[in-house]
Amino acid sequence: MKKRLAIGVLILISSFFTCIPNATAQNTDNAYKQALKELMLTSGGLQSADLLIPQLIGISKSNFPTVPDSFWETLEKKMKGKFIDRMIEGYIPIYQKYLTLDDLKQLIEFYQKPIGKKFAQVVPYITAEGVQMGQKLGMEMAKEIEEEAKFYKPL
């Protein structure tokens, strides 16, 4: 009887200690999620919701002309929230591969400073121009590679 009681107590104690890491991990995950959301808000990373959702609503609106504008306005707000939540959930494992919670906090501090705010405002323009430059450079390099290949002579 005492042996069974001792085993029961050991199982109870061990199960208690196995629950602690799970609770700590959940708190850490929530802290990371909140920090990532704040980072994405301050850095402008969530601005795509302001661009994408109205476009999607516009497409759907034309397919349902009898649905009133008030419905679409409410739906747009709802979908922006869902998009942001899903985007953050999708980015958590990606960010966690490369950045710690402390890293996120330091980045948030940067984006709250004037230079960080300025950078967040100009990043979309830098990105758009960078994509155009990259496409042009890629086409130029492809031509050069083809030119080099034309003059290949086997040994």
N, C-alpha and C. Protein backbone atom coordinates (compact mmCIF):
# COMPACT_ATOMS: atom_id res chain seq x y z
N MET A 1 0.82 -1.19 0.00
CA MET A 1 0.00 0.00 0.00
C MET A 1 0.87 1.25 0.00
N LYS A 2 1.89 1.27 0.87
CA LYS A 2 2.78 2.42 0.93
C LYS A 2 3.53 2.59 -0.38
N LYS A 3 3.86 1.46 -1.02
CA LYS A 3 4.59 1.50 -2.29
C LYS A 3 3.72 2.16 -3.36
N ARG A 4 2.45 1.79 -3.42
CA ARG A 4 1.53 2.38 -4.39
C ARG A 4 1.36 3.88 -4.13
N LEU A 5 1.24 4.26 -2.87
CA LEU A 5 1.09 5.66 -2.50
C LEU A 5 2.34 6.44 -2.93
N ALA A 6 3.50 5.88 -2.68
CA ALA A 6 4.75 6.54 -3.06
C ALA A 6 4.85 6.71 -4.57
N ILE A 7 4.46 5.67 -5.32
CA ILE A 7 4.48 5.75 -6.79
C ILE A 7 3.48 6.80 -7.27
N GLY A 8 2.32 6.84 -6.65
CA GLY A 8 1.30 7.84 -7.01
C GLY A 8 1.80 9.25 -6.76
N VAL A 9 2.45 9.46 -5.62
CA VAL A 9 3.00 10.78 -5.29
C VAL A 9 4.08 11.16 -6.30
N LEU A 10 4.95 10.21 -6.65
CA LEU A 10 6.00 10.48 -7.63
C LEU A 10 5.41 10.85 -8.99
N ILE A 11 4.38 10.15 -9.41
CA ILE A 11 3.72 10.45 -10.69
C ILE A 11 3.11 11.85 -10.64
N LEU A 12 2.45 12.16 -9.52
CA LEU A 12 1.84 13.47 -9.36
C LEU A 12 2.89 14.58 -9.41
N ILE A 13 3.98 14.39 -8.70
CA ILE A 13 5.05 15.40 -8.69
C ILE A 13 5.68 15.53 -10.07
N SER A 14 5.96 14.42 -10.73
CA SER A 14 6.58 14.50 -12.06
C SER A 14 5.65 15.14 -13.07
N SER A 15 4.35 14.87 -12.97
CA SER A 15 3.42 15.50 -13.91
C SER A 15 3.33 17.00 -13.65
N PHE A 16 3.47 17.41 -12.39
CA PHE A 16 3.46 18.83 -12.07
C PHE A 16 4.66 19.52 -12.72
N PHE A 17 5.83 18.91 -12.62
CA PHE A 17 7.03 19.53 -13.20
C PHE A 17 7.02 19.50 -14.72
N THR A 18 6.36 18.55 -15.33
CA THR A 18 6.29 18.55 -16.79
C THR A 18 5.33 19.61 -17.30
N CYS A 19 4.40 20.05 -16.47
CA CYS A 19 3.47 21.11 -16.88
C CYS A 19 4.12 22.48 -16.83
N ILE A 20 5.10 22.68 -15.99
CA ILE A 20 5.74 23.99 -15.85
C ILE A 20 6.40 24.44 -17.15
N PRO A 21 7.21 23.60 -17.82
CA PRO A 21 7.80 24.07 -19.07
C PRO A 21 6.75 24.43 -20.12
N ASN A 22 5.65 23.70 -20.17
CA ASN A 22 4.61 24.02 -21.13
C ASN A 22 4.00 25.39 -20.87
N ALA A 23 3.75 25.70 -19.61
CA ALA A 23 3.20 27.01 -19.27
C ALA A 23 4.21 28.10 -19.59
N THR A 24 5.48 27.86 -19.28
CA THR A 24 6.52 28.83 -19.58
C THR A 24 6.66 29.02 -21.09
N ALA A 25 6.61 27.93 -21.83
CA ALA A 25 6.71 28.03 -23.29
C ALA A 25 5.54 28.81 -23.85
N GLN A 26 4.34 28.59 -23.29
CA GLN A 26 3.17 29.31 -23.78
C GLN A 26 3.31 30.80 -23.50
N ASN A 27 3.80 31.16 -22.31
CA ASN A 27 4.01 32.58 -21.98
C ASN A 27 5.05 33.19 -22.90
N THR A 28 6.12 32.43 -23.18
CA THR A 28 7.16 32.91 -24.08
C THR A 28 6.59 33.09 -25.48
N ASP A 29 5.78 32.12 -25.94
CA ASP A 29 5.17 32.22 -27.26
C ASP A 29 4.27 33.44 -27.35
N ASN A 30 3.49 33.69 -26.30
CA ASN A 30 2.61 34.86 -26.29
C ASN A 30 3.42 36.15 -26.30
N ALA A 31 4.50 36.19 -25.53
CA ALA A 31 5.35 37.37 -25.50
C ALA A 31 5.99 37.59 -26.86
N TYR A 32 6.43 36.51 -27.48
CA TYR A 32 7.05 36.61 -28.81
C TYR A 32 6.03 37.09 -29.83
N LYS A 33 4.83 36.52 -29.77
CA LYS A 33 3.77 36.91 -30.70
C LYS A 33 3.44 38.39 -30.55
N GLN A 34 3.30 38.84 -29.32
CA GLN A 34 2.99 40.25 -29.07
C GLN A 34 4.11 41.15 -29.57
N ALA A 35 5.35 40.76 -29.30
CA ALA A 35 6.50 41.56 -29.74
C ALA A 35 6.57 41.59 -31.27
N LEU A 36 6.32 40.45 -31.90
CA LEU A 36 6.35 40.40 -33.35
C LEU A 36 5.26 41.28 -33.95
N LYS A 37 4.08 41.25 -33.36
CA LYS A 37 2.99 42.10 -33.84
C LYS A 37 3.36 43.57 -33.71
N GLU A 38 3.92 43.93 -32.57
CA GLU A 38 4.34 45.33 -32.37
C GLU A 38 5.42 45.72 -33.37
N LEU A 39 6.38 44.81 -33.60
CA LEU A 39 7.43 45.09 -34.58
C LEU A 39 6.85 45.29 -35.97
N MET A 40 5.94 44.40 -36.34
CA MET A 40 5.36 44.49 -37.68
C MET A 40 4.50 45.74 -37.84
N LEU A 41 3.86 46.17 -36.75
CA LEU A 41 3.09 47.42 -36.81
C LEU A 41 4.00 48.63 -36.92
N THR A 42 5.05 48.67 -36.07
CA THR A 42 5.94 49.84 -36.07
C THR A 42 6.82 49.91 -37.30
N SER A 43 7.15 48.75 -37.87
CA SER A 43 8.04 48.74 -39.04
C SER A 43 7.28 48.90 -40.36
N GLY A 44 5.96 48.85 -40.29
CA GLY A 44 5.16 48.96 -41.50
C GLY A 44 4.92 47.62 -42.18
N GLY A 45 5.34 46.55 -41.55
CA GLY A 45 5.20 45.22 -42.14
C GLY A 45 3.77 44.76 -42.32
N LEU A 46 2.85 45.38 -41.63
CA LEU A 46 1.44 44.97 -41.75
C LEU A 46 0.66 45.88 -42.68
N GLN A 47 1.34 46.81 -43.33
CA GLN A 47 0.64 47.71 -44.25
C GLN A 47 0.06 46.97 -45.44
N SER A 48 0.57 45.79 -45.72
CA SER A 48 0.04 45.03 -46.85
C SER A 48 -1.45 44.71 -46.64
N ALA A 49 -1.88 44.61 -45.38
CA ALA A 49 -3.30 44.37 -45.12
C ALA A 49 -4.14 45.55 -45.61
N ASP A 50 -3.59 46.75 -45.47
CA ASP A 50 -4.31 47.95 -45.92
C ASP A 50 -4.39 48.02 -47.44
N LEU A 51 -3.50 47.33 -48.11
CA LEU A 51 -3.48 47.34 -49.57
C LEU A 51 -4.22 46.15 -50.16
N LEU A 52 -3.95 44.97 -49.63
CA LEU A 52 -4.47 43.74 -50.21
C LEU A 52 -5.97 43.55 -49.97
N ILE A 53 -6.40 43.72 -48.75
CA ILE A 53 -7.80 43.43 -48.42
C ILE A 53 -8.76 44.31 -49.21
N PRO A 54 -8.53 45.64 -49.32
CA PRO A 54 -9.46 46.43 -50.15
C PRO A 54 -9.49 45.97 -51.61
N GLN A 55 -8.35 45.51 -52.13
CA GLN A 55 -8.34 45.00 -53.50
C GLN A 55 -9.21 43.74 -53.61
N LEU A 56 -9.06 42.84 -52.65
CA LEU A 56 -9.84 41.61 -52.67
C LEU A 56 -11.33 41.91 -52.49
N ILE A 57 -11.62 42.85 -51.61
CA ILE A 57 -13.03 43.26 -51.41
C ILE A 57 -13.58 43.84 -52.71
N GLY A 58 -12.79 44.67 -53.38
CA GLY A 58 -13.22 45.27 -54.65
C GLY A 58 -13.57 44.24 -55.69
N ILE A 59 -12.76 43.19 -55.78
CA ILE A 59 -13.02 42.11 -56.73
C ILE A 59 -14.33 41.40 -56.38
N SER A 60 -14.48 41.08 -55.10
CA SER A 60 -15.69 40.38 -54.66
C SER A 60 -16.92 41.26 -54.82
N LYS A 61 -16.75 42.56 -54.57
CA LYS A 61 -17.86 43.50 -54.67
C LYS A 61 -18.47 43.48 -56.07
N SER A 62 -17.61 43.42 -57.07
CA SER A 62 -18.12 43.41 -58.45
C SER A 62 -18.88 42.13 -58.78
N ASN A 63 -18.58 41.05 -58.07
CA ASN A 63 -19.29 39.79 -58.28
C ASN A 63 -20.62 39.72 -57.52
N PHE A 64 -20.81 40.64 -56.56
CA PHE A 64 -22.04 40.66 -55.76
C PHE A 64 -22.59 42.09 -55.73
N PRO A 65 -23.08 42.59 -56.85
CA PRO A 65 -23.50 43.99 -56.93
C PRO A 65 -24.69 44.37 -56.05
N THR A 66 -25.47 43.41 -55.61
CA THR A 66 -26.65 43.74 -54.79
C THR A 66 -26.32 43.85 -53.30
N VAL A 67 -25.11 43.45 -52.91
CA VAL A 67 -24.72 43.53 -51.49
C VAL A 67 -24.37 44.98 -51.16
N PRO A 68 -24.94 45.54 -50.08
CA PRO A 68 -24.72 46.96 -49.78
C PRO A 68 -23.30 47.28 -49.32
N ASP A 69 -22.91 48.55 -49.51
CA ASP A 69 -21.57 49.01 -49.13
C ASP A 69 -21.29 48.81 -47.64
N SER A 70 -22.31 48.98 -46.81
CA SER A 70 -22.11 48.82 -45.36
C SER A 70 -21.59 47.42 -45.02
N PHE A 71 -22.09 46.41 -45.75
CA PHE A 71 -21.60 45.04 -45.54
C PHE A 71 -20.12 44.96 -45.88
N TRP A 72 -19.74 45.53 -47.03
CA TRP A 72 -18.35 45.45 -47.48
C TRP A 72 -17.42 46.20 -46.53
N GLU A 73 -17.86 47.32 -45.99
CA GLU A 73 -17.04 48.08 -45.04
C GLU A 73 -16.79 47.27 -43.77
N THR A 74 -17.82 46.64 -43.25
CA THR A 74 -17.69 45.80 -42.05
C THR A 74 -16.80 44.59 -42.35
N LEU A 75 -17.03 43.98 -43.50
CA LEU A 75 -16.25 42.81 -43.88
C LEU A 75 -14.78 43.17 -44.07
N GLU A 76 -14.50 44.34 -44.62
CA GLU A 76 -13.11 44.76 -44.82
C GLU A 76 -12.38 44.87 -43.49
N LYS A 77 -13.01 45.47 -42.50
CA LYS A 77 -12.39 45.58 -41.17
C LYS A 77 -12.13 44.20 -40.58
N LYS A 78 -13.12 43.33 -40.70
CA LYS A 78 -13.00 41.96 -40.18
C LYS A 78 -11.86 41.22 -40.86
N MET A 79 -11.79 41.32 -42.18
CA MET A 79 -10.78 40.60 -42.94
C MET A 79 -9.37 41.16 -42.69
N LYS A 80 -9.27 42.47 -42.49
CA LYS A 80 -7.96 43.05 -42.17
C LYS A 80 -7.45 42.45 -40.86
N GLY A 81 -8.34 42.34 -39.87
CA GLY A 81 -7.95 41.74 -38.60
C GLY A 81 -7.52 40.30 -38.75
N LYS A 82 -8.29 39.53 -39.52
CA LYS A 82 -7.94 38.13 -39.75
C LYS A 82 -6.61 38.01 -40.50
N PHE A 83 -6.44 38.87 -41.51
CA PHE A 83 -5.22 38.83 -42.30
C PHE A 83 -4.00 39.11 -41.42
N ILE A 84 -4.11 40.12 -40.57
CA ILE A 84 -3.01 40.46 -39.67
C ILE A 84 -2.71 39.31 -38.72
N ASP A 85 -3.75 38.74 -38.11
CA ASP A 85 -3.54 37.62 -37.19
C ASP A 85 -2.88 36.44 -37.88
N ARG A 86 -3.37 36.10 -39.07
CA ARG A 86 -2.80 34.96 -39.80
C ARG A 86 -1.39 35.25 -40.28
N MET A 87 -1.14 36.48 -40.65
CA MET A 87 0.19 36.85 -41.11
C MET A 87 1.19 36.72 -39.96
N ILE A 88 0.80 37.20 -38.79
CA ILE A 88 1.69 37.09 -37.63
C ILE A 88 1.92 35.63 -37.28
N GLU A 89 0.86 34.84 -37.26
CA GLU A 89 1.00 33.41 -36.96
C GLU A 89 1.94 32.74 -37.97
N GLY A 90 1.82 33.12 -39.23
CA GLY A 90 2.68 32.54 -40.26
C GLY A 90 4.13 32.96 -40.13
N TYR A 91 4.35 34.18 -39.66
CA TYR A 91 5.72 34.68 -39.54
C TYR A 91 6.42 34.24 -38.26
N ILE A 92 5.68 33.85 -37.23
CA ILE A 92 6.31 33.48 -35.95
C ILE A 92 7.41 32.44 -36.14
N PRO A 93 7.14 31.29 -36.76
CA PRO A 93 8.22 30.30 -36.88
C PRO A 93 9.39 30.79 -37.74
N ILE A 94 9.10 31.65 -38.70
CA ILE A 94 10.18 32.17 -39.55
C ILE A 94 11.08 33.10 -38.74
N TYR A 95 10.47 34.05 -38.03
CA TYR A 95 11.25 34.98 -37.21
C TYR A 95 11.99 34.24 -36.10
N GLN A 96 11.35 33.24 -35.49
CA GLN A 96 11.98 32.52 -34.39
C GLN A 96 13.24 31.78 -34.83
N LYS A 97 13.34 31.45 -36.09
CA LYS A 97 14.55 30.80 -36.60
C LYS A 97 15.75 31.73 -36.51
N TYR A 98 15.50 33.03 -36.64
CA TYR A 98 16.60 33.98 -36.81
C TYR A 98 16.71 35.03 -35.72
N LEU A 99 15.61 35.31 -35.01
CA LEU A 99 15.62 36.40 -34.03
C LEU A 99 15.03 35.95 -32.70
N THR A 100 15.68 36.39 -31.62
CA THR A 100 15.17 36.11 -30.28
C THR A 100 14.14 37.17 -29.90
N LEU A 101 13.47 36.93 -28.78
CA LEU A 101 12.53 37.91 -28.26
C LEU A 101 13.26 39.22 -27.97
N ASP A 102 14.46 39.13 -27.43
CA ASP A 102 15.25 40.34 -27.15
C ASP A 102 15.59 41.08 -28.45
N ASP A 103 15.90 40.34 -29.50
CA ASP A 103 16.15 40.98 -30.80
C ASP A 103 14.93 41.77 -31.26
N LEU A 104 13.76 41.17 -31.12
CA LEU A 104 12.53 41.86 -31.52
C LEU A 104 12.34 43.15 -30.72
N LYS A 105 12.59 43.07 -29.43
CA LYS A 105 12.44 44.25 -28.58
C LYS A 105 13.39 45.37 -29.00
N GLN A 106 14.61 45.00 -29.36
CA GLN A 106 15.57 46.01 -29.81
C GLN A 106 15.14 46.62 -31.14
N LEU A 107 14.60 45.81 -32.02
CA LEU A 107 14.10 46.33 -33.30
C LEU A 107 12.93 47.27 -33.09
N ILE A 108 12.05 46.92 -32.17
CA ILE A 108 10.91 47.79 -31.85
C ILE A 108 11.41 49.14 -31.37
N GLU A 109 12.42 49.12 -30.50
CA GLU A 109 13.01 50.38 -30.01
C GLU A 109 13.53 51.20 -31.18
N PHE A 110 14.19 50.54 -32.13
CA PHE A 110 14.71 51.24 -33.31
C PHE A 110 13.58 51.90 -34.09
N TYR A 111 12.51 51.15 -34.35
CA TYR A 111 11.40 51.68 -35.16
C TYR A 111 10.59 52.74 -34.43
N GLN A 112 10.77 52.86 -33.13
CA GLN A 112 10.08 53.92 -32.38
C GLN A 112 10.87 55.23 -32.40
N LYS A 113 12.13 55.17 -32.82
CA LYS A 113 12.96 56.37 -32.93
C LYS A 113 12.66 57.07 -34.26
N PRO A 114 12.98 58.34 -34.38
CA PRO A 114 12.71 59.06 -35.64
C PRO A 114 13.32 58.39 -36.87
N ILE A 115 14.54 57.90 -36.78
CA ILE A 115 15.17 57.27 -37.95
C ILE A 115 14.46 55.96 -38.30
N GLY A 116 13.99 55.24 -37.29
CA GLY A 116 13.24 54.01 -37.54
C GLY A 116 11.91 54.30 -38.21
N LYS A 117 11.24 55.36 -37.75
CA LYS A 117 9.96 55.75 -38.36
C LYS A 117 10.17 56.17 -39.82
N LYS A 118 11.24 56.91 -40.06
CA LYS A 118 11.55 57.34 -41.42
C LYS A 118 11.82 56.12 -42.30
N PHE A 119 12.62 55.20 -41.77
CA PHE A 119 12.96 54.00 -42.52
C PHE A 119 11.71 53.19 -42.86
N ALA A 120 10.81 53.06 -41.89
CA ALA A 120 9.56 52.32 -42.13
C ALA A 120 8.73 52.98 -43.22
N GLN A 121 8.78 54.29 -43.30
CA GLN A 121 8.01 55.00 -44.33
C GLN A 121 8.59 54.81 -45.72
N VAL A 122 9.91 54.73 -45.83
CA VAL A 122 10.53 54.67 -47.15
C VAL A 122 10.80 53.26 -47.65
N VAL A 123 10.73 52.26 -46.78
CA VAL A 123 11.01 50.88 -47.19
C VAL A 123 10.15 50.42 -48.36
N PRO A 124 8.84 50.70 -48.39
CA PRO A 124 8.06 50.25 -49.55
C PRO A 124 8.58 50.82 -50.88
N TYR A 125 9.04 52.07 -50.85
CA TYR A 125 9.57 52.69 -52.07
C TYR A 125 10.92 52.09 -52.44
N ILE A 126 11.75 51.89 -51.44
CA ILE A 126 13.06 51.26 -51.67
C ILE A 126 12.86 49.86 -52.23
N THR A 127 11.93 49.12 -51.66
CA THR A 127 11.65 47.76 -52.12
C THR A 127 11.15 47.75 -53.56
N ALA A 128 10.21 48.63 -53.87
CA ALA A 128 9.65 48.68 -55.24
C ALA A 128 10.74 49.03 -56.24
N GLU A 129 11.55 50.04 -55.93
CA GLU A 129 12.62 50.42 -56.84
C GLU A 129 13.69 49.33 -56.91
N GLY A 130 13.92 48.67 -55.79
CA GLY A 130 14.90 47.58 -55.76
C GLY A 130 14.47 46.40 -56.62
N VAL A 131 13.18 46.11 -56.62
CA VAL A 131 12.66 45.02 -57.46
C VAL A 131 12.87 45.37 -58.93
N GLN A 132 12.55 46.60 -59.31
CA GLN A 132 12.75 47.03 -60.70
C GLN A 132 14.23 46.95 -61.08
N MET A 133 15.09 47.44 -60.20
CA MET A 133 16.53 47.41 -60.47
C MET A 133 17.00 45.96 -60.59
N GLY A 134 16.52 45.10 -59.70
CA GLY A 134 16.92 43.69 -59.72
C GLY A 134 16.48 42.99 -60.99
N GLN A 135 15.28 43.30 -61.47
CA GLN A 135 14.81 42.71 -62.72
C GLN A 135 15.67 43.16 -63.89
N LYS A 136 15.99 44.45 -63.94
CA LYS A 136 16.82 44.98 -65.01
C LYS A 136 18.21 44.35 -64.97
N LEU A 137 18.78 44.29 -63.77
CA LEU A 137 20.10 43.69 -63.61
C LEU A 137 20.09 42.22 -64.00
N GLY A 138 19.03 41.51 -63.61
CA GLY A 138 18.91 40.10 -63.98
C GLY A 138 18.86 39.90 -65.48
N MET A 139 18.13 40.76 -66.18
CA MET A 139 18.05 40.66 -67.64
C MET A 139 19.42 40.96 -68.27
N GLU A 140 20.11 41.97 -67.75
CA GLU A 140 21.43 42.29 -68.27
C GLU A 140 22.40 41.12 -68.06
N MET A 141 22.36 40.53 -66.87
CA MET A 141 23.26 39.41 -66.57
C MET A 141 22.92 38.20 -67.44
N ALA A 142 21.63 37.96 -67.69
CA ALA A 142 21.25 36.83 -68.54
C ALA A 142 21.81 37.01 -69.94
N LYS A 143 21.77 38.25 -70.46
CA LYS A 143 22.35 38.52 -71.79
C LYS A 143 23.85 38.27 -71.79
N GLU A 144 24.53 38.74 -70.75
CA GLU A 144 25.98 38.54 -70.66
C GLU A 144 26.33 37.06 -70.58
N ILE A 145 25.55 36.31 -69.82
CA ILE A 145 25.80 34.87 -69.69
C ILE A 145 25.62 34.19 -71.04
N GLU A 146 24.57 34.57 -71.77
CA GLU A 146 24.34 33.99 -73.09
C GLU A 146 25.46 34.35 -74.05
N GLU A 147 25.94 35.58 -73.98
CA GLU A 147 27.06 36.00 -74.84
C GLU A 147 28.30 35.19 -74.54
N GLU A 148 28.57 35.00 -73.25
CA GLU A 148 29.74 34.20 -72.85
C GLU A 148 29.59 32.76 -73.34
N ALA A 149 28.39 32.22 -73.24
CA ALA A 149 28.15 30.83 -73.64
C ALA A 149 28.31 30.65 -75.15
N LYS A 150 28.00 31.69 -75.93
CA LYS A 150 28.14 31.61 -77.39
C LYS A 150 29.59 31.37 -77.80
N PHE A 151 30.50 31.88 -77.01
CA PHE A 151 31.92 31.79 -77.35
C PHE A 151 32.62 30.62 -76.69
N TYR A 152 31.84 29.72 -76.09
CA TYR A 152 32.43 28.54 -75.46
C TYR A 152 33.06 27.65 -76.51
N LYS A 153 34.27 27.23 -76.22
CA LYS A 153 34.95 26.28 -77.12
C LYS A 153 35.46 25.13 -76.29
N PRO A 154 35.04 23.93 -76.64
CA PRO A 154 35.50 22.77 -75.88
C PRO A 154 37.02 22.60 -75.99
N LEU A 155 37.63 22.10 -74.95
CA LEU A 155 39.08 21.89 -74.96
C LEU A 155 39.47 20.65 -75.69
